[in-house]
Amino acid sequence: MPIFLWCIIINKPTTDEHQPSKKIAATGTERGPSGLYINTKVRKFITCNECSKVRYLFSGRQLIEQDGLEIQHAIENWPYTCGSTIFLQDHNLFDKVFVQEKICCKTPMEFTYYSCRKVHSDWCYHCGSTDDLQDKLDSLMEKYKSIISLYAGCQDKGLDFFCQMPIQTKK
Protein backbone atom coordinates (compact mmCIF):
# COMPACT_ATOMS: atom_id res chain seq x y z
CA MET A 1 0.00 0.00 0.00
CA PRO A 2 1.42 3.41 -0.90
CA ILE A 3 2.46 5.42 2.17
CA PHE A 4 0.10 8.31 1.40
CA LEU A 5 -2.92 5.95 1.43
CA TRP A 6 -1.75 4.35 4.64
CA CYS A 7 -1.49 7.77 6.30
CA ILE A 8 -5.04 8.64 5.25
CA ILE A 9 -6.60 5.49 6.71
CA ILE A 10 -4.41 4.83 9.76
CA ASN A 11 -6.56 6.69 12.29
CA LYS A 12 -9.97 5.91 10.80
CA PRO A 13 -12.39 3.74 12.79
CA THR A 14 -13.03 0.34 11.21
CA THR A 15 -15.93 -2.11 11.19
CA ASP A 16 -16.56 -5.60 9.87
CA GLU A 17 -19.19 -4.26 7.46
CA HIS A 18 -17.24 -5.13 4.30
CA GLN A 19 -15.55 -8.29 5.56
CA PRO A 20 -16.78 -11.03 3.18
CA SER A 21 -17.09 -13.76 5.80
CA LYS A 22 -19.30 -11.59 8.03
CA LYS A 23 -21.80 -10.79 5.30
CA ILE A 24 -25.05 -12.62 4.77
CA ALA A 25 -24.83 -14.75 1.65
CA ALA A 26 -25.70 -12.68 -1.38
CA THR A 27 -28.43 -13.57 -3.79
CA GLY A 28 -28.18 -13.60 -7.54
CA THR A 29 -25.81 -15.32 -9.88
CA GLU A 30 -22.19 -16.14 -9.35
CA ARG A 31 -19.47 -14.34 -11.31
CA GLY A 32 -18.44 -17.50 -13.16
CA PRO A 33 -20.20 -18.82 -16.27
CA SER A 34 -23.49 -20.66 -15.96
CA GLY A 35 -23.03 -24.39 -15.41
CA LEU A 36 -19.53 -23.99 -13.96
CA TYR A 37 -20.23 -24.85 -10.32
CA ILE A 38 -20.54 -28.63 -10.68
CA ASN A 39 -18.39 -31.50 -9.43
CA THR A 40 -16.71 -32.19 -12.79
CA LYS A 41 -15.38 -28.60 -12.93
CA VAL A 42 -13.66 -28.72 -9.52
CA ARG A 43 -9.92 -28.20 -9.94
CA LYS A 44 -8.65 -27.60 -6.41
CA PHE A 45 -9.93 -26.62 -3.00
CA ILE A 46 -9.18 -23.94 -0.44
CA THR A 47 -9.96 -23.68 3.26
CA CYS A 48 -11.53 -20.58 4.80
CA ASN A 49 -9.25 -18.99 7.41
CA GLU A 50 -12.22 -18.10 9.61
CA CYS A 51 -14.64 -21.04 9.57
CA SER A 52 -12.28 -23.79 8.27
CA LYS A 53 -14.82 -24.97 5.70
CA VAL A 54 -13.51 -26.39 2.45
CA ARG A 55 -14.51 -24.32 -0.58
CA TYR A 56 -13.91 -25.41 -4.15
CA LEU A 57 -12.06 -23.74 -7.00
CA PHE A 58 -13.83 -24.25 -10.32
CA SER A 59 -12.61 -23.84 -13.87
CA GLY A 60 -14.30 -24.51 -17.18
CA ARG A 61 -11.10 -25.98 -18.58
CA GLN A 62 -8.31 -28.20 -17.36
CA LEU A 63 -5.51 -26.19 -15.82
CA ILE A 64 -1.98 -26.22 -17.14
CA GLU A 65 0.92 -26.81 -14.76
CA GLN A 66 1.71 -23.09 -14.44
CA ASP A 67 -1.92 -22.36 -13.46
CA GLY A 68 -1.70 -25.05 -10.79
CA LEU A 69 1.48 -23.49 -9.40
CA GLU A 70 -0.12 -20.05 -9.28
CA ILE A 71 -3.19 -21.43 -7.51
CA GLN A 72 -1.02 -23.27 -5.00
CA HIS A 73 0.92 -20.06 -4.36
CA ALA A 74 -2.35 -18.19 -3.74
CA ILE A 75 -3.62 -20.90 -1.38
CA GLU A 76 -0.41 -20.89 0.64
CA ASN A 77 0.18 -17.12 0.73
CA TRP A 78 -3.12 -15.26 0.61
CA PRO A 79 -5.67 -15.57 3.41
CA TYR A 80 -9.02 -16.73 2.01
CA THR A 81 -12.39 -16.14 3.64
CA CYS A 82 -15.77 -17.35 2.41
CA GLY A 83 -17.33 -14.98 -0.09
CA SER A 84 -14.09 -13.41 -1.30
CA THR A 85 -12.38 -13.97 -4.63
CA ILE A 86 -9.29 -16.14 -4.84
CA PHE A 87 -7.45 -13.76 -7.19
CA LEU A 88 -7.38 -10.00 -7.62
CA GLN A 89 -9.10 -8.58 -10.69
CA ASP A 90 -5.83 -7.91 -12.53
CA HIS A 91 -4.53 -11.48 -12.07
CA ASN A 92 -4.45 -13.64 -15.21
CA LEU A 93 -6.54 -16.38 -13.50
CA PHE A 94 -9.27 -14.01 -12.24
CA ASP A 95 -11.61 -14.95 -15.11
CA LYS A 96 -10.43 -18.56 -15.40
CA VAL A 97 -10.58 -19.94 -11.84
CA PHE A 98 -13.61 -19.23 -9.69
CA VAL A 99 -14.75 -19.79 -6.14
CA GLN A 100 -18.37 -19.33 -5.12
CA GLU A 101 -18.63 -15.73 -3.96
CA LYS A 102 -22.31 -15.68 -3.00
CA ILE A 103 -21.57 -17.60 0.18
CA CYS A 104 -20.40 -16.70 3.67
CA CYS A 105 -19.08 -18.57 6.70
CA LYS A 106 -22.68 -19.16 7.79
CA THR A 107 -23.43 -20.99 4.54
CA PRO A 108 -23.30 -24.80 4.89
CA MET A 109 -20.63 -26.83 3.11
CA GLU A 110 -20.97 -26.68 -0.66
CA PHE A 111 -23.00 -29.68 -1.73
CA THR A 112 -20.51 -30.23 -4.56
CA TYR A 113 -18.05 -31.34 -1.87
CA TYR A 114 -19.97 -34.55 -1.24
CA SER A 115 -20.14 -35.59 -4.90
CA CYS A 116 -16.61 -34.59 -5.90
CA ARG A 117 -13.69 -37.01 -5.94
CA LYS A 118 -10.98 -34.42 -5.20
CA VAL A 119 -11.24 -34.63 -1.40
CA HIS A 120 -13.43 -36.88 0.58
CA SER A 121 -13.59 -37.11 4.30
CA ASP A 122 -16.62 -36.87 6.50
CA TRP A 123 -17.40 -33.24 7.27
CA CYS A 124 -20.47 -31.81 8.96
CA TYR A 125 -22.74 -30.24 6.37
CA HIS A 126 -23.53 -27.25 8.60
CA CYS A 127 -20.15 -26.29 10.09
CA GLY A 128 -17.45 -28.28 8.30
CA SER A 129 -16.21 -30.04 11.44
CA THR A 130 -14.61 -33.47 11.13
CA ASP A 131 -14.72 -34.12 14.87
CA ASP A 132 -17.46 -35.67 17.02
CA LEU A 133 -19.71 -36.62 14.11
CA GLN A 134 -22.97 -38.31 15.01
CA ASP A 135 -23.87 -41.81 13.87
CA LYS A 136 -26.35 -41.79 11.03
CA LEU A 137 -29.74 -42.97 12.23
CA ASP A 138 -31.07 -46.26 10.89
CA SER A 139 -34.48 -44.64 10.43
CA LEU A 140 -32.93 -42.08 8.06
CA MET A 141 -30.84 -44.69 6.25
CA GLU A 142 -34.05 -46.57 5.46
CA LYS A 143 -35.56 -43.45 3.88
CA TYR A 144 -32.64 -41.73 2.09
CA LYS A 145 -29.79 -42.79 -0.19
CA SER A 146 -27.61 -39.87 0.90
CA ILE A 147 -27.23 -38.61 4.47
CA ILE A 148 -24.62 -35.94 5.15
CA SER A 149 -22.69 -36.02 8.42
CA LEU A 150 -23.70 -33.99 11.47
CA TYR A 151 -21.43 -32.61 14.21
CA ALA A 152 -22.67 -33.07 17.79
CA GLY A 153 -22.44 -29.31 18.43
CA CYS A 154 -24.69 -28.61 15.45
CA GLN A 155 -27.17 -31.19 16.69
CA ASP A 156 -27.14 -29.46 20.09
CA LYS A 157 -28.13 -26.25 18.27
CA GLY A 158 -31.17 -28.00 16.79
CA LEU A 159 -29.71 -28.73 13.37
CA ASP A 160 -30.32 -32.11 11.78
CA PHE A 161 -28.73 -34.43 9.25
CA PHE A 162 -28.97 -33.15 5.69
CA CYS A 163 -30.69 -35.87 3.67
CA GLN A 164 -31.38 -36.21 -0.03
CA MET A 165 -32.48 -38.74 -2.60
CA PRO A 166 -35.42 -40.42 -0.88
CA ILE A 167 -35.57 -44.15 -1.42
CA GLN A 168 -38.52 -44.96 -3.64
CA THR A 169 -40.70 -47.77 -2.37
CA LYS A 170 -43.04 -49.67 -4.63
CA LYS A 171 -46.65 -49.75 -3.52
C-alpha atoms as a PDB file:
ATOM      1  CA  MET A   1       0.000   0.000   0.000  1.00  0.00           C
ATOM      2  CA  PRO A   2       1.425   3.411  -0.899  1.00  0.00           C
ATOM      3  CA  ILE A   3       2.460   5.421   2.168  1.00  0.00           C
ATOM      4  CA  PHE A   4       0.099   8.314   1.397  1.00  0.00           C
ATOM      5  CA  LEU A   5      -2.920   5.954   1.426  1.00  0.00           C
ATOM      6  CA  TRP A   6      -1.751   4.350   4.637  1.00  0.00           C
ATOM      7  CA  CYS A   7      -1.489   7.771   6.305  1.00  0.00           C
ATOM      8  CA  ILE A   8      -5.036   8.636   5.249  1.00  0.00           C
ATOM      9  CA  ILE A   9      -6.595   5.489   6.714  1.00  0.00           C
ATOM     10  CA  ILE A  10      -4.414   4.825   9.765  1.00  0.00           C
ATOM     11  CA  ASN A  11      -6.562   6.693  12.288  1.00  0.00           C
ATOM     12  CA  LYS A  12      -9.965   5.912  10.797  1.00  0.00           C
ATOM     13  CA  PRO A  13     -12.393   3.737  12.785  1.00  0.00           C
ATOM     14  CA  THR A  14     -13.034   0.340  11.212  1.00  0.00           C
ATOM     15  CA  THR A  15     -15.928  -2.110  11.195  1.00  0.00           C
ATOM     16  CA  ASP A  16     -16.556  -5.600   9.869  1.00  0.00           C
ATOM     17  CA  GLU A  17     -19.189  -4.257   7.462  1.00  0.00           C
ATOM     18  CA  HIS A  18     -17.244  -5.132   4.303  1.00  0.00           C
ATOM     19  CA  GLN A  19     -15.552  -8.290   5.559  1.00  0.00           C
ATOM     20  CA  PRO A  20     -16.781 -11.033   3.176  1.00  0.00           C
ATOM     21  CA  SER A  21     -17.091 -13.760   5.797  1.00  0.00           C
ATOM     22  CA  LYS A  22     -19.303 -11.592   8.034  1.00  0.00           C
ATOM     23  CA  LYS A  23     -21.804 -10.795   5.300  1.00  0.00           C
ATOM     24  CA  ILE A  24     -25.047 -12.617   4.769  1.00  0.00           C
ATOM     25  CA  ALA A  25     -24.833 -14.755   1.650  1.00  0.00           C
ATOM     26  CA  ALA A  26     -25.704 -12.679  -1.381  1.00  0.00           C
ATOM     27  CA  THR A  27     -28.432 -13.572  -3.791  1.00  0.00           C
ATOM     28  CA  GLY A  28     -28.183 -13.597  -7.544  1.00  0.00           C
ATOM     29  CA  THR A  29     -25.812 -15.316  -9.885  1.00  0.00           C
ATOM     30  CA  GLU A  30     -22.187 -16.142  -9.351  1.00  0.00           C
ATOM     31  CA  ARG A  31     -19.472 -14.339 -11.309  1.00  0.00           C
ATOM     32  CA  GLY A  32     -18.442 -17.499 -13.164  1.00  0.00           C
ATOM     33  CA  PRO A  33     -20.199 -18.815 -16.275  1.00  0.00           C
ATOM     34  CA  SER A  34     -23.494 -20.656 -15.964  1.00  0.00           C
ATOM     35  CA  GLY A  35     -23.025 -24.390 -15.408  1.00  0.00           C
ATOM     36  CA  LEU A  36     -19.532 -23.992 -13.960  1.00  0.00           C
ATOM     37  CA  TYR A  37     -20.231 -24.853 -10.324  1.00  0.00           C
ATOM     38  CA  ILE A  38     -20.536 -28.634 -10.684  1.00  0.00           C
ATOM     39  CA  ASN A  39     -18.388 -31.502  -9.427  1.00  0.00           C
ATOM     40  CA  THR A  40     -16.711 -32.187 -12.790  1.00  0.00           C
ATOM     41  CA  LYS A  41     -15.381 -28.605 -12.932  1.00  0.00           C
ATOM     42  CA  VAL A  42     -13.663 -28.720  -9.522  1.00  0.00           C
ATOM     43  CA  ARG A  43      -9.917 -28.205  -9.944  1.00  0.00           C
ATOM     44  CA  LYS A  44      -8.651 -27.597  -6.405  1.00  0.00           C
ATOM     45  CA  PHE A  45      -9.933 -26.615  -3.005  1.00  0.00           C
ATOM     46  CA  ILE A  46      -9.176 -23.942  -0.444  1.00  0.00           C
ATOM     47  CA  THR A  47      -9.959 -23.678   3.259  1.00  0.00           C
ATOM     48  CA  CYS A  48     -11.526 -20.583   4.801  1.00  0.00           C
ATOM     49  CA  ASN A  49      -9.252 -18.992   7.411  1.00  0.00           C
ATOM     50  CA  GLU A  50     -12.217 -18.097   9.612  1.00  0.00           C
ATOM     51  CA  CYS A  51     -14.636 -21.037   9.571  1.00  0.00           C
ATOM     52  CA  SER A  52     -12.284 -23.792   8.270  1.00  0.00           C
ATOM     53  CA  LYS A  53     -14.816 -24.966   5.696  1.00  0.00           C
ATOM     54  CA  VAL A  54     -13.512 -26.390   2.451  1.00  0.00           C
ATOM     55  CA  ARG A  55     -14.512 -24.323  -0.578  1.00  0.00           C
ATOM     56  CA  TYR A  56     -13.908 -25.406  -4.148  1.00  0.00           C
ATOM     57  CA  LEU A  57     -12.056 -23.740  -7.001  1.00  0.00           C
ATOM     58  CA  PHE A  58     -13.830 -24.247 -10.320  1.00  0.00           C
ATOM     59  CA  SER A  59     -12.614 -23.839 -13.869  1.00  0.00           C
ATOM     60  CA  GLY A  60     -14.303 -24.507 -17.182  1.00  0.00           C
ATOM     61  CA  ARG A  61     -11.103 -25.978 -18.584  1.00  0.00           C
ATOM     62  CA  GLN A  62      -8.308 -28.203 -17.362  1.00  0.00           C
ATOM     63  CA  LEU A  63      -5.513 -26.188 -15.823  1.00  0.00           C
ATOM     64  CA  ILE A  64      -1.976 -26.222 -17.144  1.00  0.00           C
ATOM     65  CA  GLU A  65       0.921 -26.812 -14.758  1.00  0.00           C
ATOM     66  CA  GLN A  66       1.708 -23.089 -14.442  1.00  0.00           C
ATOM     67  CA  ASP A  67      -1.917 -22.362 -13.457  1.00  0.00           C
ATOM     68  CA  GLY A  68      -1.695 -25.045 -10.790  1.00  0.00           C
ATOM     69  CA  LEU A  69       1.478 -23.495  -9.396  1.00  0.00           C
ATOM     70  CA  GLU A  70      -0.119 -20.046  -9.276  1.00  0.00           C
ATOM     71  CA  ILE A  71      -3.187 -21.429  -7.513  1.00  0.00           C
ATOM     72  CA  GLN A  72      -1.016 -23.267  -4.999  1.00  0.00           C
ATOM     73  CA  HIS A  73       0.924 -20.059  -4.363  1.00  0.00           C
ATOM     74  CA  ALA A  74      -2.352 -18.194  -3.741  1.00  0.00           C
ATOM     75  CA  ILE A  75      -3.624 -20.903  -1.382  1.00  0.00           C
ATOM     76  CA  GLU A  76      -0.414 -20.887   0.636  1.00  0.00           C
ATOM     77  CA  ASN A  77       0.183 -17.123   0.735  1.00  0.00           C
ATOM     78  CA  TRP A  78      -3.123 -15.260   0.613  1.00  0.00           C
ATOM     79  CA  PRO A  79      -5.671 -15.569   3.407  1.00  0.00           C
ATOM     80  CA  TYR A  80      -9.015 -16.730   2.013  1.00  0.00           C
ATOM     81  CA  THR A  81     -12.391 -16.135   3.637  1.00  0.00           C
ATOM     82  CA  CYS A  82     -15.767 -17.345   2.415  1.00  0.00           C
ATOM     83  CA  GLY A  83     -17.327 -14.978  -0.094  1.00  0.00           C
ATOM     84  CA  SER A  84     -14.094 -13.414  -1.303  1.00  0.00           C
ATOM     85  CA  THR A  85     -12.376 -13.970  -4.631  1.00  0.00           C
ATOM     86  CA  ILE A  86      -9.288 -16.136  -4.835  1.00  0.00           C
ATOM     87  CA  PHE A  87      -7.453 -13.759  -7.194  1.00  0.00           C
ATOM     88  CA  LEU A  88      -7.384  -9.997  -7.616  1.00  0.00           C
ATOM     89  CA  GLN A  89      -9.100  -8.584 -10.690  1.00  0.00           C
ATOM     90  CA  ASP A  90      -5.826  -7.905 -12.527  1.00  0.00           C
ATOM     91  CA  HIS A  91      -4.525 -11.484 -12.068  1.00  0.00           C
ATOM     92  CA  ASN A  92      -4.450 -13.642 -15.209  1.00  0.00           C
ATOM     93  CA  LEU A  93      -6.540 -16.378 -13.505  1.00  0.00           C
ATOM     94  CA  PHE A  94      -9.266 -14.014 -12.236  1.00  0.00           C
ATOM     95  CA  ASP A  95     -11.609 -14.952 -15.113  1.00  0.00           C
ATOM     96  CA  LYS A  96     -10.429 -18.564 -15.396  1.00  0.00           C
ATOM     97  CA  VAL A  97     -10.581 -19.938 -11.839  1.00  0.00           C
ATOM     98  CA  PHE A  98     -13.608 -19.225  -9.685  1.00  0.00           C
ATOM     99  CA  VAL A  99     -14.755 -19.792  -6.145  1.00  0.00           C
ATOM    100  CA  GLN A 100     -18.374 -19.327  -5.125  1.00  0.00           C
ATOM    101  CA  GLU A 101     -18.629 -15.732  -3.956  1.00  0.00           C
ATOM    102  CA  LYS A 102     -22.307 -15.678  -3.002  1.00  0.00           C
ATOM    103  CA  ILE A 103     -21.572 -17.597   0.183  1.00  0.00           C
ATOM    104  CA  CYS A 104     -20.395 -16.698   3.666  1.00  0.00           C
ATOM    105  CA  CYS A 105     -19.082 -18.570   6.695  1.00  0.00           C
ATOM    106  CA  LYS A 106     -22.685 -19.162   7.792  1.00  0.00           C
ATOM    107  CA  THR A 107     -23.426 -20.989   4.542  1.00  0.00           C
ATOM    108  CA  PRO A 108     -23.300 -24.803   4.887  1.00  0.00           C
ATOM    109  CA  MET A 109     -20.631 -26.829   3.114  1.00  0.00           C
ATOM    110  CA  GLU A 110     -20.972 -26.680  -0.658  1.00  0.00           C
ATOM    111  CA  PHE A 111     -22.996 -29.676  -1.726  1.00  0.00           C
ATOM    112  CA  THR A 112     -20.510 -30.229  -4.555  1.00  0.00           C
ATOM    113  CA  TYR A 113     -18.051 -31.345  -1.865  1.00  0.00           C
ATOM    114  CA  TYR A 114     -19.971 -34.545  -1.239  1.00  0.00           C
ATOM    115  CA  SER A 115     -20.136 -35.589  -4.897  1.00  0.00           C
ATOM    116  CA  CYS A 116     -16.607 -34.592  -5.897  1.00  0.00           C
ATOM    117  CA  ARG A 117     -13.691 -37.011  -5.943  1.00  0.00           C
ATOM    118  CA  LYS A 118     -10.976 -34.425  -5.198  1.00  0.00           C
ATOM    119  CA  VAL A 119     -11.245 -34.627  -1.399  1.00  0.00           C
ATOM    120  CA  HIS A 120     -13.432 -36.885   0.582  1.00  0.00           C
ATOM    121  CA  SER A 121     -13.590 -37.112   4.301  1.00  0.00           C
ATOM    122  CA  ASP A 122     -16.623 -36.870   6.496  1.00  0.00           C
ATOM    123  CA  TRP A 123     -17.401 -33.238   7.272  1.00  0.00           C
ATOM    124  CA  CYS A 124     -20.467 -31.809   8.958  1.00  0.00           C
ATOM    125  CA  TYR A 125     -22.741 -30.242   6.368  1.00  0.00           C
ATOM    126  CA  HIS A 126     -23.525 -27.252   8.596  1.00  0.00           C
ATOM    127  CA  CYS A 127     -20.152 -26.285  10.093  1.00  0.00           C
ATOM    128  CA  GLY A 128     -17.449 -28.278   8.303  1.00  0.00           C
ATOM    129  CA  SER A 129     -16.207 -30.038  11.442  1.00  0.00           C
ATOM    130  CA  THR A 130     -14.615 -33.466  11.131  1.00  0.00           C
ATOM    131  CA  ASP A 131     -14.724 -34.123  14.874  1.00  0.00           C
ATOM    132  CA  ASP A 132     -17.457 -35.670  17.021  1.00  0.00           C
ATOM    133  CA  LEU A 133     -19.706 -36.620  14.112  1.00  0.00           C
ATOM    134  CA  GLN A 134     -22.968 -38.314  15.013  1.00  0.00           C
ATOM    135  CA  ASP A 135     -23.866 -41.810  13.869  1.00  0.00           C
ATOM    136  CA  LYS A 136     -26.347 -41.793  11.033  1.00  0.00           C
ATOM    137  CA  LEU A 137     -29.736 -42.967  12.229  1.00  0.00           C
ATOM    138  CA  ASP A 138     -31.068 -46.262  10.887  1.00  0.00           C
ATOM    139  CA  SER A 139     -34.477 -44.641  10.427  1.00  0.00           C
ATOM    140  CA  LEU A 140     -32.932 -42.080   8.062  1.00  0.00           C
ATOM    141  CA  MET A 141     -30.836 -44.685   6.254  1.00  0.00           C
ATOM    142  CA  GLU A 142     -34.050 -46.573   5.457  1.00  0.00           C
ATOM    143  CA  LYS A 143     -35.557 -43.446   3.877  1.00  0.00           C
ATOM    144  CA  TYR A 144     -32.635 -41.731   2.091  1.00  0.00           C
ATOM    145  CA  LYS A 145     -29.791 -42.786  -0.192  1.00  0.00           C
ATOM    146  CA  SER A 146     -27.607 -39.871   0.898  1.00  0.00           C
ATOM    147  CA  ILE A 147     -27.229 -38.605   4.470  1.00  0.00           C
ATOM    148  CA  ILE A 148     -24.621 -35.938   5.145  1.00  0.00           C
ATOM    149  CA  SER A 149     -22.691 -36.024   8.422  1.00  0.00           C
ATOM    150  CA  LEU A 150     -23.704 -33.990  11.472  1.00  0.00           C
ATOM    151  CA  TYR A 151     -21.427 -32.614  14.212  1.00  0.00           C
ATOM    152  CA  ALA A 152     -22.668 -33.071  17.794  1.00  0.00           C
ATOM    153  CA  GLY A 153     -22.438 -29.313  18.433  1.00  0.00           C
ATOM    154  CA  CYS A 154     -24.692 -28.608  15.452  1.00  0.00           C
ATOM    155  CA  GLN A 155     -27.173 -31.191  16.690  1.00  0.00           C
ATOM    156  CA  ASP A 156     -27.143 -29.459  20.093  1.00  0.00           C
ATOM    157  CA  LYS A 157     -28.127 -26.246  18.272  1.00  0.00           C
ATOM    158  CA  GLY A 158     -31.173 -27.997  16.794  1.00  0.00           C
ATOM    159  CA  LEU A 159     -29.711 -28.732  13.373  1.00  0.00           C
ATOM    160  CA  ASP A 160     -30.321 -32.111  11.782  1.00  0.00           C
ATOM    161  CA  PHE A 161     -28.727 -34.426   9.248  1.00  0.00           C
ATOM    162  CA  PHE A 162     -28.966 -33.147   5.689  1.00  0.00           C
ATOM    163  CA  CYS A 163     -30.692 -35.874   3.674  1.00  0.00           C
ATOM    164  CA  GLN A 164     -31.375 -36.213  -0.027  1.00  0.00           C
ATOM    165  CA  MET A 165     -32.481 -38.738  -2.605  1.00  0.00           C
ATOM    166  CA  PRO A 166     -35.421 -40.418  -0.875  1.00  0.00           C
ATOM    167  CA  ILE A 167     -35.569 -44.145  -1.419  1.00  0.00           C
ATOM    168  CA  GLN A 168     -38.520 -44.958  -3.640  1.00  0.00           C
ATOM    169  CA  THR A 169     -40.699 -47.766  -2.367  1.00  0.00           C
ATOM    170  CA  LYS A 170     -43.040 -49.668  -4.626  1.00  0.00           C
ATOM    171  CA  LYS A 171     -46.645 -49.751  -3.516  1.00  0.00           C
END
